[in-house]
C-alpha atoms as a PDB file:
ATOM      1  CA  MET A   1     -24.852   0.268   7.705  1.00  0.00           C
ATOM      2  CA  THR A   2     -24.426   2.012   4.050  1.00  0.00           C
ATOM      3  CA  VAL A   3     -22.904   0.947   1.306  1.00  0.00           C
ATOM      4  CA  GLU A   4     -19.588   2.162   2.146  1.00  0.00           C
ATOM      5  CA  GLN A   5     -18.750   0.667   5.092  1.00  0.00           C
ATOM      6  CA  ILE A   6     -19.230  -2.354   3.433  1.00  0.00           C
ATOM      7  CA  VAL A   7     -17.088  -1.757   1.159  1.00  0.00           C
ATOM      8  CA  PHE A   8     -14.425  -0.673   3.968  1.00  0.00           C
ATOM      9  CA  TYR A   9     -14.918  -4.158   5.890  1.00  0.00           C
ATOM     10  CA  VAL A  10     -14.542  -5.884   2.813  1.00  0.00           C
ATOM     11  CA  PHE A  11     -11.050  -4.839   1.395  1.00  0.00           C
ATOM     12  CA  ALA A  12      -9.993  -3.552   4.926  1.00  0.00           C
ATOM     13  CA  THR A  13      -9.987  -7.406   6.054  1.00  0.00           C
ATOM     14  CA  LEU A  14      -8.585  -8.895   1.744  1.00  0.00           C
ATOM     15  CA  THR A  15      -5.382  -6.796   3.190  1.00  0.00           C
ATOM     16  CA  ILE A  16      -5.261  -7.764   6.093  1.00  0.00           C
ATOM     17  CA  VAL A  17      -6.063 -11.211   4.963  1.00  0.00           C
ATOM     18  CA  SER A  18      -2.992 -10.614   1.873  1.00  0.00           C
ATOM     19  CA  ALA A  19      -0.671  -8.980   4.440  1.00  0.00           C
ATOM     20  CA  LEU A  20      -0.063 -12.112   6.385  1.00  0.00           C
ATOM     21  CA  GLY A  21      -0.438 -14.225   2.528  1.00  0.00           C
ATOM     22  CA  VAL A  22       2.592 -12.058   1.861  1.00  0.00           C
ATOM     23  CA  VAL A  23       4.524 -13.904   4.995  1.00  0.00           C
ATOM     24  CA  THR A  24       3.426 -16.959   5.631  1.00  0.00           C
ATOM     25  CA  VAL A  25       3.219 -18.002   1.795  1.00  0.00           C
ATOM     26  CA  ARG A  26       6.279 -20.624   1.200  1.00  0.00           C
ATOM     27  CA  ASN A  27       5.946 -19.947  -3.133  1.00  0.00           C
ATOM     28  CA  SER A  28       8.162 -16.639  -3.729  1.00  0.00           C
ATOM     29  CA  VAL A  29       5.626 -15.699  -6.765  1.00  0.00           C
ATOM     30  CA  GLN A  30       2.895 -16.066  -5.106  1.00  0.00           C
ATOM     31  CA  ALA A  31       3.994 -13.652  -2.253  1.00  0.00           C
ATOM     32  CA  VAL A  32       4.502 -11.394  -4.866  1.00  0.00           C
ATOM     33  CA  LEU A  33       1.173 -11.537  -6.359  1.00  0.00           C
ATOM     34  CA  CYS A  34      -0.082 -10.901  -2.770  1.00  0.00           C
ATOM     35  CA  LEU A  35       1.450  -8.039  -2.463  1.00  0.00           C
ATOM     36  CA  VAL A  36       0.419  -6.602  -5.674  1.00  0.00           C
ATOM     37  CA  LEU A  37      -2.835  -7.868  -4.555  1.00  0.00           C
ATOM     38  CA  THR A  38      -2.405  -5.582  -0.853  1.00  0.00           C
ATOM     39  CA  PHE A  39      -1.599  -2.550  -2.901  1.00  0.00           C
ATOM     40  CA  PHE A  40      -4.768  -3.136  -4.559  1.00  0.00           C
ATOM     41  CA  SER A  41      -6.788  -3.045  -1.420  1.00  0.00           C
ATOM     42  CA  ALA A  42      -5.026  -0.304   0.175  1.00  0.00           C
ATOM     43  CA  ALA A  43      -5.579   2.171  -3.360  1.00  0.00           C
ATOM     44  CA  VAL A  44      -9.063   0.966  -2.772  1.00  0.00           C
ATOM     45  CA  LEU A  45      -9.179   2.134   1.058  1.00  0.00           C
ATOM     46  CA  TRP A  46      -7.551   5.268  -0.028  1.00  0.00           C
ATOM     47  CA  MET A  47     -10.104   6.068  -3.043  1.00  0.00           C
ATOM     48  CA  LEU A  48     -12.494   6.218   0.222  1.00  0.00           C
ATOM     49  CA  LEU A  49     -11.014   9.005   1.542  1.00  0.00           C
ATOM     50  CA  GLU A  50     -10.412  10.618  -1.572  1.00  0.00           C
ATOM     51  CA  ALA A  51      -6.984  10.480  -2.497  1.00  0.00           C
ATOM     52  CA  GLU A  52      -7.833   9.191  -5.876  1.00  0.00           C
ATOM     53  CA  PHE A  53      -3.844  10.916  -6.794  1.00  0.00           C
ATOM     54  CA  LEU A  54      -2.185   9.040  -4.151  1.00  0.00           C
ATOM     55  CA  ALA A  55      -4.898   5.518  -5.315  1.00  0.00           C
ATOM     56  CA  VAL A  56      -3.999   6.433  -8.478  1.00  0.00           C
ATOM     57  CA  ALA A  57       0.136   6.341  -7.855  1.00  0.00           C
ATOM     58  CA  LEU A  58       0.139   3.349  -6.323  1.00  0.00           C
ATOM     59  CA  VAL A  59      -1.630   1.967  -8.890  1.00  0.00           C
ATOM     60  CA  LEU A  60       0.871   2.862 -11.106  1.00  0.00           C
ATOM     61  CA  VAL A  61       4.213   3.277 -10.091  1.00  0.00           C
ATOM     62  CA  TYR A  62       4.177   0.608  -6.949  1.00  0.00           C
ATOM     63  CA  VAL A  63       2.011  -2.534  -9.146  1.00  0.00           C
ATOM     64  CA  GLY A  64       2.376  -1.408 -12.791  1.00  0.00           C
ATOM     65  CA  ALA A  65       6.303  -1.245 -11.910  1.00  0.00           C
ATOM     66  CA  VAL A  66       8.046  -1.923  -8.323  1.00  0.00           C
ATOM     67  CA  MET A  67       5.880  -5.304  -8.714  1.00  0.00           C
ATOM     68  CA  VAL A  68       6.755  -5.874 -11.652  1.00  0.00           C
ATOM     69  CA  LEU A  69      10.690  -5.857 -11.368  1.00  0.00           C
ATOM     70  CA  PHE A  70      10.154  -7.408  -8.101  1.00  0.00           C
ATOM     71  CA  LEU A  71       8.660 -10.382 -10.100  1.00  0.00           C
ATOM     72  CA  PHE A  72      10.850 -10.882 -12.841  1.00  0.00           C
ATOM     73  CA  VAL A  73      13.643 -10.854 -10.735  1.00  0.00           C
ATOM     74  CA  VAL A  74      12.015 -13.417  -8.576  1.00  0.00           C
ATOM     75  CA  MET A  75      11.262 -15.964 -11.277  1.00  0.00           C
ATOM     76  CA  MET A  76      14.351 -15.227 -12.835  1.00  0.00           C
ATOM     77  CA  LEU A  77      16.606 -15.899  -8.925  1.00  0.00           C
ATOM     78  CA  ASP A  78      17.686 -19.600  -8.143  1.00  0.00           C
ATOM     79  CA  VAL A  79      17.646 -18.983  -4.166  1.00  0.00           C
ATOM     80  CA  ASP A  80      18.108 -21.488  -2.710  1.00  0.00           C
ATOM     81  CA  PHE A  81      15.881 -22.703   0.417  1.00  0.00           C
ATOM     82  CA  ALA A  82      17.124 -25.144   1.581  1.00  0.00           C
ATOM     83  CA  SER A  83      20.218 -23.356   2.621  1.00  0.00           C
ATOM     84  CA  LEU A  84      18.593 -20.074   4.137  1.00  0.00           C
ATOM     85  CA  LYS A  85      16.798 -22.219   6.813  1.00  0.00           C
ATOM     86  CA  GLN A  86      19.640 -24.158   8.342  1.00  0.00           C
ATOM     87  CA  GLY A  87      19.765 -22.164  11.589  1.00  0.00           C
ATOM     88  CA  PHE A  88      16.511 -20.408  11.762  1.00  0.00           C
ATOM     89  CA  THR A  89      15.714 -21.938  15.096  1.00  0.00           C
ATOM     90  CA  ARG A  90      18.549 -20.324  16.499  1.00  0.00           C
ATOM     91  CA  TYR A  91      16.755 -16.774  15.740  1.00  0.00           C
ATOM     92  CA  VAL A  92      13.361 -17.811  17.293  1.00  0.00           C
ATOM     93  CA  PRO A  93      13.698 -16.185  20.768  1.00  0.00           C
ATOM     94  CA  LEU A  94      15.442 -13.070  19.200  1.00  0.00           C
ATOM     95  CA  GLY A  95      12.576 -13.260  15.886  1.00  0.00           C
ATOM     96  CA  ILE A  96       9.310 -13.536  19.047  1.00  0.00           C
ATOM     97  CA  LEU A  97      10.914 -10.289  21.797  1.00  0.00           C
ATOM     98  CA  ILE A  98      11.190  -8.161  18.072  1.00  0.00           C
ATOM     99  CA  ALA A  99       7.763  -8.740  17.326  1.00  0.00           C
ATOM    100  CA  ILE A 100       6.451  -8.116  20.420  1.00  0.00           C
ATOM    101  CA  GLY A 101       8.810  -4.810  20.370  1.00  0.00           C
ATOM    102  CA  LEU A 102       6.162  -4.428  17.449  1.00  0.00           C
ATOM    103  CA  LEU A 103       3.024  -4.921  18.633  1.00  0.00           C
ATOM    104  CA  ILE A 104       3.732  -2.567  22.048  1.00  0.00           C
ATOM    105  CA  GLY A 105       5.466   0.158  19.321  1.00  0.00           C
ATOM    106  CA  LEU A 106       2.490  -0.491  17.640  1.00  0.00           C
ATOM    107  CA  TYR A 107      -0.626  -0.129  20.329  1.00  0.00           C
ATOM    108  CA  TRP A 108       0.992   3.198  21.995  1.00  0.00           C
ATOM    109  CA  VAL A 109       0.349   4.605  18.311  1.00  0.00           C
ATOM    110  CA  LEU A 110      -2.620   3.463  17.310  1.00  0.00           C
ATOM    111  CA  ARG A 111      -4.052   3.821  20.959  1.00  0.00           C
ATOM    112  CA  GLY A 112      -7.681   5.792  20.821  1.00  0.00           C
ATOM    113  CA  GLU A 113      -6.016   8.810  22.612  1.00  0.00           C
ATOM    114  CA  VAL A 114      -3.678   9.486  19.553  1.00  0.00           C
ATOM    115  CA  PHE A 115      -5.848   8.058  16.774  1.00  0.00           C
ATOM    116  CA  GLY A 116      -9.027   8.344  18.480  1.00  0.00           C
ATOM    117  CA  LEU A 117     -12.258   9.995  16.906  1.00  0.00           C
ATOM    118  CA  GLU A 118     -11.797  12.896  19.855  1.00  0.00           C
ATOM    119  CA  ALA A 119      -7.796  13.340  18.081  1.00  0.00           C
ATOM    120  CA  MET A 120      -8.625  13.421  14.120  1.00  0.00           C
ATOM    121  CA  PRO A 121     -12.382  13.631  13.781  1.00  0.00           C
ATOM    122  CA  GLU A 122     -13.985  12.440   9.832  1.00  0.00           C
ATOM    123  CA  PRO A 123     -12.697  14.385   7.285  1.00  0.00           C
ATOM    124  CA  ALA A 124     -15.257  16.363   5.934  1.00  0.00           C
ATOM    125  CA  LYS A 125     -16.919  15.932   2.717  1.00  0.00           C
ATOM    126  CA  HIS A 126     -16.134  17.719  -0.196  1.00  0.00           C
ATOM    127  CA  ALA A 127     -17.697  19.119  -3.449  1.00  0.00           C
ATOM    128  CA  VAL A 128     -17.669  18.005  -7.078  1.00  0.00           C
ATOM    129  CA  ASP A 129     -15.313  20.002  -8.431  1.00  0.00           C
ATOM    130  CA  TYR A 130     -12.075  19.126  -5.941  1.00  0.00           C
ATOM    131  CA  SER A 131      -8.920  18.812  -6.552  1.00  0.00           C
ATOM    132  CA  ASN A 132      -7.005  16.257  -4.636  1.00  0.00           C
ATOM    133  CA  VAL A 133      -3.947  16.512  -6.696  1.00  0.00           C
ATOM    134  CA  GLU A 134      -4.342  21.004  -6.347  1.00  0.00           C
ATOM    135  CA  SER A 135      -4.576  20.415  -2.658  1.00  0.00           C
ATOM    136  CA  LEU A 136      -1.336  17.608  -2.723  1.00  0.00           C
ATOM    137  CA  GLY A 137       1.018  20.200  -4.870  1.00  0.00           C
ATOM    138  CA  LEU A 138      -0.311  23.063  -2.852  1.00  0.00           C
ATOM    139  CA  LEU A 139       0.593  21.095   1.056  1.00  0.00           C
ATOM    140  CA  LEU A 140       4.567  19.536  -0.833  1.00  0.00           C
ATOM    141  CA  TYR A 141       5.351  22.646  -1.947  1.00  0.00           C
ATOM    142  CA  THR A 142       4.067  25.245   0.966  1.00  0.00           C
ATOM    143  CA  ASP A 143       4.804  23.529   4.495  1.00  0.00           C
ATOM    144  CA  TYR A 144       6.591  20.588   3.531  1.00  0.00           C
ATOM    145  CA  PHE A 145       8.636  22.076   0.752  1.00  0.00           C
ATOM    146  CA  TYR A 146      11.958  21.205   2.815  1.00  0.00           C
ATOM    147  CA  ALA A 147      10.895  17.699   3.917  1.00  0.00           C
ATOM    148  CA  PHE A 148       9.878  16.550   0.625  1.00  0.00           C
ATOM    149  CA  GLU A 149      13.141  18.442  -0.834  1.00  0.00           C
ATOM    150  CA  ILE A 150      14.986  16.251   2.064  1.00  0.00           C
ATOM    151  CA  ALA A 151      13.355  12.875   0.460  1.00  0.00           C
ATOM    152  CA  GLY A 152      14.464  13.609  -2.430  1.00  0.00           C
ATOM    153  CA  VAL A 153      18.683  14.091  -1.445  1.00  0.00           C
ATOM    154  CA  ILE A 154      17.887  10.981   0.224  1.00  0.00           C
ATOM    155  CA  LEU A 155      17.223   8.981  -2.961  1.00  0.00           C
ATOM    156  CA  LEU A 156      19.946  10.879  -5.215  1.00  0.00           C
ATOM    157  CA  VAL A 157      22.352   9.683  -2.527  1.00  0.00           C
ATOM    158  CA  SER A 158      20.634   5.510  -2.192  1.00  0.00           C
ATOM    159  CA  ILE A 159      20.788   5.674  -6.144  1.00  0.00           C
ATOM    160  CA  VAL A 160      24.661   6.817  -6.277  1.00  0.00           C
ATOM    161  CA  ALA A 161      25.712   4.756  -3.308  1.00  0.00           C
ATOM    162  CA  ALA A 162      24.345   1.873  -5.024  1.00  0.00           C
ATOM    163  CA  ILE A 163      25.670   2.403  -8.495  1.00  0.00           C
ATOM    164  CA  SER A 164      28.915   2.976  -6.680  1.00  0.00           C
ATOM    165  CA  LEU A 165      29.068  -0.007  -4.505  1.00  0.00           C
ATOM    166  CA  THR A 166      28.260  -2.726  -7.376  1.00  0.00           C
ATOM    167  CA  PHE A 167      30.766  -0.181 -10.082  1.00  0.00           C
ATOM    168  CA  ARG A 168      33.160  -2.668 -10.958  1.00  0.00           C
ATOM    169  CA  GLY A 169      36.387  -0.859 -12.863  1.00  0.00           C
ATOM    170  CA  ARG A 170      35.899   0.343 -16.091  1.00  0.00           C
ATOM    171  CA  ARG A 171      36.135  -2.725 -18.744  1.00  0.00           C
ATOM    172  CA  GLU A 172      36.927  -2.462 -22.501  1.00  0.00           C
ATOM    173  CA  ARG A 173      34.288  -2.893 -24.316  1.00  0.00           C
ATOM    174  CA  ARG A 174      33.935  -3.309 -28.244  1.00  0.00           C
ATOM    175  CA  GLY A 175      31.665  -0.149 -28.923  1.00  0.00           C
ATOM    176  CA  GLN A 176      30.615   0.629 -32.200  1.00  0.00           C
ATOM    177  CA  SER A 177      32.539   4.726 -33.519  1.00  0.00           C
ATOM    178  CA  VAL A 178      30.329   6.558 -36.239  1.00  0.00           C
ATOM    179  CA  PRO A 179      33.179   8.864 -36.950  1.00  0.00           C
ATOM    180  CA  THR A 180      35.389   5.910 -37.392  1.00  0.00           C
ATOM    181  CA  GLN A 181      33.614   4.552 -39.805  1.00  0.00           C
ATOM    182  CA  HIS A 182      33.084   7.625 -41.607  1.00  0.00           C
ATOM    183  CA  ARG A 183      36.585   7.899 -41.704  1.00  0.00           C
ATOM    184  CA  ALA A 184      37.672   4.886 -43.136  1.00  0.00           C
ATOM    185  CA  SER A 185      38.910   4.970 -47.245  1.00  0.00           C
ATOM    186  CA  LYS A 186      38.047   2.297 -49.569  1.00  0.00           C
ATOM    187  CA  ASP A 187      41.020   0.447 -48.903  1.00  0.00           C
ATOM    188  CA  GLU A 188      40.633   0.116 -46.281  1.00  0.00           C
ATOM    189  CA  ARG A 189      36.334  -1.969 -46.136  1.00  0.00           C
ATOM    190  CA  LEU A 190      37.966  -4.079 -48.729  1.00  0.00           C
ATOM    191  CA  HIS A 191      41.490  -6.032 -48.917  1.00  0.00           C
ATOM    192  CA  ILE A 192      41.517  -8.068 -51.915  1.00  0.00           C
ATOM    193  CA  ILE A 193      43.681 -11.578 -52.152  1.00  0.00           C
ATOM    194  CA  LYS A 194      44.789 -13.653 -54.776  1.00  0.00           C
ATOM    195  CA  MET A 195      45.171 -17.326 -54.501  1.00  0.00           C
ATOM    196  CA  ASP A 196      45.884 -19.722 -57.174  1.00  0.00           C
ATOM    197  CA  ALA A 197      42.721 -21.635 -58.960  1.00  0.00           C
ATOM    198  CA  GLU A 198      42.613 -25.493 -57.884  1.00  0.00           C
ATOM    199  CA  ALA A 199      41.252 -27.896 -60.764  1.00  0.00           C
ATOM    200  CA  PRO A 200      38.223 -29.623 -59.314  1.00  0.00           C
ATOM    201  CA  GLN A 201      38.217 -33.540 -59.920  1.00  0.00           C
ATOM    202  CA  ASP A 202      35.711 -35.010 -61.855  1.00  0.00           C
ATOM    203  CA  ASP A 203      33.771 -38.174 -60.165  1.00  0.00           C
ATOM    204  CA  GLU A 204      35.644 -41.013 -61.382  1.00  0.00           C
ATOM    205  CA  SER A 205      39.323 -39.668 -60.309  1.00  0.00           C
ATOM    206  CA  GLU A 206      37.367 -39.547 -56.858  1.00  0.00           C
ATOM    207  CA  ASP A 207      36.639 -42.882 -56.861  1.00  0.00           C
ATOM    208  CA  GLU A 208      39.754 -44.329 -58.254  1.00  0.00           C
ATOM    209  CA  ASP A 209      41.419 -42.956 -55.250  1.00  0.00           C
ATOM    210  CA  SER A 210      38.867 -44.647 -52.573  1.00  0.00           C
ATOM    211  CA  GLU A 211      39.785 -47.405 -54.253  1.00  0.00           C
ATOM    212  CA  LYS A 212      42.770 -47.537 -54.045  1.00  0.00           C
ATOM    213  CA  SER A 213      42.621 -46.760 -50.516  1.00  0.00           C
ATOM    214  CA  ALA A 214      40.367 -49.723 -49.566  1.00  0.00           C
ATOM    215  CA  ASP A 215      42.481 -52.083 -51.422  1.00  0.00           C
ATOM    216  CA  LYS A 216      45.706 -50.705 -49.787  1.00  0.00           C
ATOM    217  CA  GLY A 217      43.380 -51.412 -45.899  1.00  0.00           C
ATOM    218  CA  SER A 218      42.916 -54.646 -46.832  1.00  0.00           C
ATOM    219  CA  GLU A 219      46.403 -56.052 -48.009  1.00  0.00           C
ATOM    220  CA  GLN A 220      47.450 -54.252 -44.414  1.00  0.00           C
ATOM    221  CA  ALA A 221      45.124 -55.563 -42.841  1.00  0.00           C
ATOM    222  CA  LYS A 222      45.768 -58.828 -44.569  1.00  0.00           C
ATOM    223  CA  GLY A 223      49.491 -58.781 -43.948  1.00  0.00           C
ATOM    224  CA  GLU A 224      49.157 -58.157 -40.026  1.00  0.00           C
ATOM    225  CA  SER A 225      46.577 -61.331 -39.738  1.00  0.00           C
ATOM    226  CA  SER A 226      49.684 -63.474 -41.030  1.00  0.00           C
END
C-alpha cells in the first residue's frame, strides 16, 4: 500500500465520521465544528486528485468565511430545542421513506456501471508545471460558459429575493449630512443663554436651615403624639 493510498483512506474515513457527527451531535456548535473538519478532509482528497484550486477555495471560502459566519450565528441564536423536538415521532415514517429513497438513488448513481474503473478510469498524472487554475479557467469560459453565467444569474436572483423578503419598508433614520454641516453659520452652531446669577450659600446658613427643618419635624412629631 502506497503513501497516497494511506492518506486517502485516513482522510476518507475522517470525512465520513465528521459528516456523521454533523447530523448526530446534539450541540449545534460542535456540529458546525464537525462540518469544518469535513471540509478540511474533503480538501485533502481534492489535493490527491490534483485539484489544488478547488481545495484551496474550499478552505478559504467555506471554512474561512461561510463556516465562521455559521458558527457566530449559531452561538448568538437562542434556539429552543424542546419546542423543535415536539411532534418528532409523527414524521419518523416519512423520514424513513425519504432515507430509503435517497439510498436507492445513491446506489443507482454510484453503481459500478456508471462510476466504475471502465467507465471512469484513473486520471492521468500531470507534469510539475501543470496549472490547475488555467485548466479550470479554460473549461469554465469555453465548454461550460453558459452554465457558468446561468449559475451567476441564479445567485444574483437569490440575493435580490433574500433582500426583498427581509425588507420592511423605508425607515426614518438619523444620519450625518456633511453639506448641511458645512452650510451652517456661527449663529446656528452656538446659542448663548443669559441667566441670573445666584448667590452661593455659606456652610453656616446651610447648617441653620437644616437645624430649623429638624426642629420643625420634632415639633410636628410631638403634636401628633399628644
